[in-house]
Protein backbone atom coordinates (compact mmCIF):
# COMPACT_ATOMS: atom_id res chain seq x y z
CA MET A 1 9.49 -3.87 -4.12
CA GLU A 2 8.03 -0.38 -4.06
CA ILE A 3 5.90 0.77 -1.11
CA ASN A 4 2.54 2.18 -2.18
CA PRO A 5 1.04 4.56 0.44
CA THR A 6 -2.37 3.94 -0.70
CA GLU A 7 -1.94 0.15 0.00
CA ILE A 8 -0.46 0.88 3.39
CA ILE A 9 -3.52 2.77 4.32
CA GLY A 10 -5.69 -0.12 3.03
CA TYR A 11 -3.66 -2.60 5.09
CA LEU A 12 -3.78 -0.54 8.26
CA ALA A 13 -7.51 -0.19 7.85
CA SER A 14 -7.94 -3.81 7.61
CA LEU A 15 -5.77 -4.43 10.57
CA PHE A 16 -7.82 -2.03 12.77
CA VAL A 17 -11.00 -3.49 11.76
CA LEU A 18 -9.62 -7.02 12.50
CA LEU A 19 -8.27 -5.93 15.84
CA SER A 20 -11.53 -4.39 16.87
CA PHE A 21 -13.14 -7.85 17.02
CA PHE A 22 -10.67 -8.93 19.67
CA ASN A 23 -12.03 -6.38 22.15
CA LYS A 24 -14.53 -7.68 24.73
CA ASP A 25 -15.49 -4.11 25.80
CA LEU A 26 -18.03 -2.98 23.11
CA ARG A 27 -17.04 0.74 23.58
CA LYS A 28 -13.32 -0.16 22.81
CA LEU A 29 -14.47 -2.32 19.89
CA ARG A 30 -16.36 0.60 18.29
CA ILE A 31 -13.51 3.00 18.94
CA VAL A 32 -10.93 0.65 17.23
CA ASN A 33 -13.41 -0.12 14.47
CA SER A 34 -14.11 3.59 13.87
CA VAL A 35 -10.36 4.15 13.33
CA GLY A 36 -10.45 1.29 10.70
CA CYS A 37 -13.55 2.71 9.07
CA ALA A 38 -11.88 6.19 8.89
CA LEU A 39 -8.81 4.68 7.31
CA PHE A 40 -11.05 2.76 4.78
CA VAL A 41 -12.74 6.13 3.97
CA ALA A 42 -9.42 7.69 3.20
CA TYR A 43 -8.47 4.50 1.26
CA GLY A 44 -11.63 4.79 -0.72
CA VAL A 45 -10.96 8.42 -1.50
CA LEU A 46 -7.53 7.69 -2.78
CA LEU A 47 -8.92 4.88 -4.93
CA GLY A 48 -11.86 6.83 -5.95
CA SER A 49 -14.14 3.94 -4.93
CA ILE A 50 -17.73 5.27 -3.88
CA PRO A 51 -18.79 1.87 -2.50
CA ILE A 52 -15.89 1.77 -0.04
CA ILE A 53 -16.47 5.31 1.11
CA ILE A 54 -20.20 5.01 1.46
CA THR A 55 -20.13 1.72 3.32
CA ASN A 56 -17.55 2.96 5.85
CA VAL A 57 -19.08 6.33 6.45
CA ALA A 58 -22.24 4.56 7.11
CA ILE A 59 -20.51 2.31 9.73
CA LEU A 60 -18.76 5.38 11.19
CA LEU A 61 -22.27 7.02 11.66
CA VAL A 62 -23.63 3.79 13.49
CA ASN A 63 -20.50 3.63 15.67
CA GLY A 64 -20.68 7.43 16.42
CA TYR A 65 -24.39 7.01 17.42
CA TYR A 66 -23.65 4.31 19.82
CA LEU A 67 -20.58 5.98 21.22
CA PHE A 68 -21.87 9.45 21.59
CA ILE A 69 -25.69 9.64 21.43
CA LYS A 70 -26.86 6.30 22.87
CA LYS A 71 -24.50 5.91 25.85
C-alpha cells in the first residue's frame, strides 16, 4: 500500500474538523476547526478542487472574524 501525501492531508483535515466538535470551549473549537479548514484548503489546492478551497476559505474567514474581530 502506497502512502499518498495528498490523502494524508485530507485525512488530517477531516480529523481536525471532527475533533473541533468535541470542544466545549467555543474559542478552542474555532481554533481546531480553523486548522482543519486550513488543511482542507491545502488539500483542495493539491486536488485542484475549487469548491473545497472556496468553502474552507469561507469557514476560515468566519472563524477568524469570531476569533480576532468579535472577541
